[in-house]
C-alpha atoms as a PDB file:
ATOM      1  CA  MET A   1      -0.246  -0.117  -0.015  1.00  0.00           C
ATOM      2  CA  GLY A   2       0.913   3.550  -0.772  1.00  0.00           C
ATOM      3  CA  ALA A   3      -0.044   7.452  -0.868  1.00  0.00           C
ATOM      4  CA  LEU A   4       0.340   9.619  -3.710  1.00  0.00           C
ATOM      5  CA  THR A   5      -0.483  13.434  -3.727  1.00  0.00           C
ATOM      6  CA  LEU A   6      -0.739  15.100  -7.012  1.00  0.00           C
ATOM      7  CA  VAL A   7      -1.819  19.390  -7.048  1.00  0.00           C
ATOM      8  CA  ALA A   8      -2.930  21.579  -9.842  1.00  0.00           C
ATOM      9  CA  ARG A   9      -3.226  25.486  -9.832  1.00  0.00           C
ATOM     10  CA  GLY A  10      -5.687  27.466 -12.052  1.00  0.00           C
ATOM     11  CA  PRO A  11      -7.403  30.492 -12.793  1.00  0.00           C
ATOM     12  CA  LEU A  12     -11.132  29.118 -11.805  1.00  0.00           C
ATOM     13  CA  PRO A  13     -12.453  30.549  -8.450  1.00  0.00           C
ATOM     14  CA  VAL A  14     -12.918  28.337  -5.237  1.00  0.00           C
ATOM     15  CA  ASP A  15     -16.604  28.382  -5.059  1.00  0.00           C
ATOM     16  CA  VAL A  16     -16.658  27.132  -9.270  1.00  0.00           C
ATOM     17  CA  VAL A  17     -14.613  24.337  -8.765  1.00  0.00           C
ATOM     18  CA  TRP A  18     -15.862  23.176  -5.512  1.00  0.00           C
ATOM     19  CA  GLU A  19     -19.507  22.948  -6.925  1.00  0.00           C
ATOM     20  CA  ARG A  20     -17.290  21.144  -9.917  1.00  0.00           C
ATOM     21  CA  TYR A  21     -16.592  18.279  -7.108  1.00  0.00           C
ATOM     22  CA  ALA A  22     -20.037  18.946  -4.910  1.00  0.00           C
ATOM     23  CA  ASP A  23     -22.603  18.169  -8.431  1.00  0.00           C
ATOM     24  CA  PRO A  24     -21.210  14.533  -9.315  1.00  0.00           C
ATOM     25  CA  GLN A  25     -23.293  14.430 -12.874  1.00  0.00           C
ATOM     26  CA  ARG A  26     -20.327  17.396 -13.656  1.00  0.00           C
ATOM     27  CA  TRP A  27     -17.500  14.844 -13.139  1.00  0.00           C
ATOM     28  CA  PRO A  28     -16.980  13.903 -16.887  1.00  0.00           C
ATOM     29  CA  SER A  29     -16.910  17.772 -17.659  1.00  0.00           C
ATOM     30  CA  TRP A  30     -13.597  17.705 -16.522  1.00  0.00           C
ATOM     31  CA  ALA A  31     -12.527  14.169 -16.021  1.00  0.00           C
ATOM     32  CA  PRO A  32     -11.938  12.680 -19.170  1.00  0.00           C
ATOM     33  CA  GLN A  33     -11.649   9.311 -17.819  1.00  0.00           C
ATOM     34  CA  ILE A  34     -15.284   9.418 -16.454  1.00  0.00           C
ATOM     35  CA  ARG A  35     -18.068   8.733 -19.073  1.00  0.00           C
ATOM     36  CA  ARG A  36     -20.888   8.849 -16.790  1.00  0.00           C
ATOM     37  CA  VAL A  37     -21.667   9.093 -12.806  1.00  0.00           C
ATOM     38  CA  ASP A  38     -24.425   7.130 -11.621  1.00  0.00           C
ATOM     39  CA  ALA A  39     -25.490   8.966  -7.950  1.00  0.00           C
ATOM     40  CA  VAL A  40     -28.455  10.631  -6.692  1.00  0.00           C
ATOM     41  CA  GLY A  41     -27.832  14.086  -5.149  1.00  0.00           C
ATOM     42  CA  ARG A  42     -24.488  16.004  -4.079  1.00  0.00           C
ATOM     43  CA  LEU A  43     -21.680  15.158  -2.462  1.00  0.00           C
ATOM     44  CA  ARG A  44     -22.731  13.788   0.842  1.00  0.00           C
ATOM     45  CA  PRO A  45     -21.159  11.152   3.311  1.00  0.00           C
ATOM     46  CA  GLY A  46     -22.798   7.973   2.478  1.00  0.00           C
ATOM     47  CA  LEU A  47     -23.402   8.970  -1.083  1.00  0.00           C
ATOM     48  CA  THR A  48     -23.081   5.265  -3.424  1.00  0.00           C
ATOM     49  CA  GLY A  49     -22.737   5.192  -6.823  1.00  0.00           C
ATOM     50  CA  ARG A  50     -20.844   3.982  -9.797  1.00  0.00           C
ATOM     51  CA  VAL A  51     -18.777   6.054 -11.891  1.00  0.00           C
ATOM     52  CA  HIS A  52     -18.425   4.901 -15.558  1.00  0.00           C
ATOM     53  CA  SER A  53     -15.528   5.227 -17.866  1.00  0.00           C
ATOM     54  CA  TYR A  54     -14.842   3.715 -21.606  1.00  0.00           C
ATOM     55  CA  ALA A  55     -14.268   0.423 -20.621  1.00  0.00           C
ATOM     56  CA  PRO A  56     -16.878  -1.683 -18.449  1.00  0.00           C
ATOM     57  CA  PRO A  57     -17.233  -2.325 -15.906  1.00  0.00           C
ATOM     58  CA  GLY A  58     -18.656   0.247 -13.691  1.00  0.00           C
ATOM     59  CA  ILE A  59     -16.687   1.444  -9.981  1.00  0.00           C
ATOM     60  CA  ALA A  60     -18.496   1.392  -7.299  1.00  0.00           C
ATOM     61  CA  PHE A  61     -17.726   4.219  -4.710  1.00  0.00           C
ATOM     62  CA  ARG A  62     -18.911   5.596  -1.608  1.00  0.00           C
ATOM     63  CA  VAL A  63     -18.220   8.867  -0.155  1.00  0.00           C
ATOM     64  CA  LEU A  64     -16.655   9.181   3.326  1.00  0.00           C
ATOM     65  CA  SER A  65     -16.948  12.200   4.295  1.00  0.00           C
ATOM     66  CA  VAL A  66     -17.307  16.084   3.277  1.00  0.00           C
ATOM     67  CA  ASP A  67     -16.878  19.597   4.778  1.00  0.00           C
ATOM     68  CA  ALA A  68     -18.197  21.693   2.379  1.00  0.00           C
ATOM     69  CA  ARG A  69     -16.912  24.872   4.212  1.00  0.00           C
ATOM     70  CA  GLN A  70     -13.400  23.440   4.297  1.00  0.00           C
ATOM     71  CA  ARG A  71     -13.976  22.381   0.714  1.00  0.00           C
ATOM     72  CA  LEU A  72     -12.763  18.818   1.613  1.00  0.00           C
ATOM     73  CA  TRP A  73     -14.105  15.500   0.646  1.00  0.00           C
ATOM     74  CA  SER A  74     -13.313  11.941   0.388  1.00  0.00           C
ATOM     75  CA  TRP A  75     -14.470   8.800  -1.158  1.00  0.00           C
ATOM     76  CA  ARG A  76     -13.402   4.802  -1.594  1.00  0.00           C
ATOM     77  CA  VAL A  77     -13.682   3.354  -5.059  1.00  0.00           C
ATOM     78  CA  GLN A  78     -13.797  -0.249  -5.770  1.00  0.00           C
ATOM     79  CA  LEU A  79     -13.426  -2.870  -8.376  1.00  0.00           C
ATOM     80  CA  GLY A  80     -13.300  -6.294  -7.279  1.00  0.00           C
ATOM     81  CA  PRO A  81     -11.140  -6.595  -4.454  1.00  0.00           C
ATOM     82  CA  MET A  82      -9.140  -3.276  -5.376  1.00  0.00           C
ATOM     83  CA  LYS A  83     -10.087  -0.520  -3.388  1.00  0.00           C
ATOM     84  CA  LEU A  84      -8.265   3.211  -3.464  1.00  0.00           C
ATOM     85  CA  THR A  85      -9.001   5.978  -0.948  1.00  0.00           C
ATOM     86  CA  LEU A  86      -9.254   9.559  -2.625  1.00  0.00           C
ATOM     87  CA  GLU A  87      -9.246  12.645  -0.570  1.00  0.00           C
ATOM     88  CA  HIS A  88      -9.638  15.924  -2.032  1.00  0.00           C
ATOM     89  CA  GLY A  89      -9.427  19.368  -1.292  1.00  0.00           C
ATOM     90  CA  VAL A  90      -9.976  22.890  -2.731  1.00  0.00           C
ATOM     91  CA  ARG A  91      -8.383  26.418  -1.789  1.00  0.00           C
ATOM     92  CA  ALA A  92      -7.503  29.465  -2.834  1.00  0.00           C
ATOM     93  CA  GLY A  93      -4.446  30.236  -4.667  1.00  0.00           C
ATOM     94  CA  THR A  94      -1.373  32.243  -3.198  1.00  0.00           C
ATOM     95  CA  HIS A  95      -1.660  34.298  -6.454  1.00  0.00           C
ATOM     96  CA  GLY A  96      -5.523  34.347  -7.083  1.00  0.00           C
ATOM     97  CA  GLY A  97      -7.438  31.708  -8.594  1.00  0.00           C
ATOM     98  CA  SER A  98      -7.316  27.933  -7.280  1.00  0.00           C
ATOM     99  CA  GLU A  99      -5.435  25.266  -5.933  1.00  0.00           C
ATOM    100  CA  THR A 100      -6.823  21.550  -5.518  1.00  0.00           C
ATOM    101  CA  TRP A 101      -5.226  18.814  -4.207  1.00  0.00           C
ATOM    102  CA  LEU A 102      -5.334  14.802  -4.566  1.00  0.00           C
ATOM    103  CA  ARG A 103      -4.237  12.387  -1.996  1.00  0.00           C
ATOM    104  CA  LEU A 104      -4.420   9.048  -3.290  1.00  0.00           C
ATOM    105  CA  HIS A 105      -4.141   5.854  -1.211  1.00  0.00           C
ATOM    106  CA  GLY A 106      -3.966   2.144  -2.694  1.00  0.00           C
ATOM    107  CA  PRO A 107      -1.707  -0.342  -4.250  1.00  0.00           C
ATOM    108  CA  PHE A 108       1.084   1.705  -5.209  1.00  0.00           C
ATOM    109  CA  PRO A 109       1.512   0.237  -9.170  1.00  0.00           C
ATOM    110  CA  VAL A 110      -2.232   1.533  -9.415  1.00  0.00           C
ATOM    111  CA  LEU A 111      -1.522   4.440  -8.057  1.00  0.00           C
ATOM    112  CA  LEU A 112       1.208   5.187 -10.667  1.00  0.00           C
ATOM    113  CA  ALA A 113      -0.440   4.217 -13.136  1.00  0.00           C
ATOM    114  CA  TYR A 114      -3.569   6.203 -12.662  1.00  0.00           C
ATOM    115  CA  ALA A 115      -1.490   9.489 -11.477  1.00  0.00           C
ATOM    116  CA  PRO A 116      -0.745  11.056 -15.145  1.00  0.00           C
ATOM    117  CA  LEU A 117      -4.840  10.742 -16.078  1.00  0.00           C
ATOM    118  CA  ALA A 118      -5.981  11.889 -12.324  1.00  0.00           C
ATOM    119  CA  ARG A 119      -2.950  15.020 -12.733  1.00  0.00           C
ATOM    120  CA  TYR A 120      -4.669  16.114 -16.614  1.00  0.00           C
ATOM    121  CA  ALA A 121      -7.986  15.728 -14.606  1.00  0.00           C
ATOM    122  CA  LEU A 122      -6.756  17.929 -11.825  1.00  0.00           C
ATOM    123  CA  GLY A 123      -5.979  20.736 -14.486  1.00  0.00           C
ATOM    124  CA  ARG A 124      -8.861  20.925 -16.329  1.00  0.00           C
ATOM    125  CA  LEU A 125     -10.858  20.789 -13.195  1.00  0.00           C
ATOM    126  CA  VAL A 126      -9.268  24.349 -12.216  1.00  0.00           C
ATOM    127  CA  ASN A 127      -8.835  25.735 -15.566  1.00  0.00           C
ATOM    128  CA  ARG A 128     -12.016  24.986 -17.797  1.00  0.00           C
ATOM    129  CA  SER A 129     -15.078  26.526 -17.638  1.00  0.00           C
END
């Protein structure tokens, strides 16, 4: 098991970036690896669903925690026996705009394989309106 942290900075305001996280139906607009999300409602602890990519099957998820005031949330994804925990945060950038971070926990080979795609998605999250 391992952990890996990724960070992205961009011009979009913190509130805009947080809203793009808070509504799972918006995830495909900035995360190209996500084709659709099956979940009802906004981010909240206990929210469950499936994230669908371009290759089946969908990946089950459960939101573990949400702190909208601090703009922090975490979730666990599971595909068969493989589980990853992802912790997300959004904060104001030091020179305007926003900064988002992602801390991944899971099997290190999986983290290394997923990191380039996650880094690209985070960049889109804070840079594209």
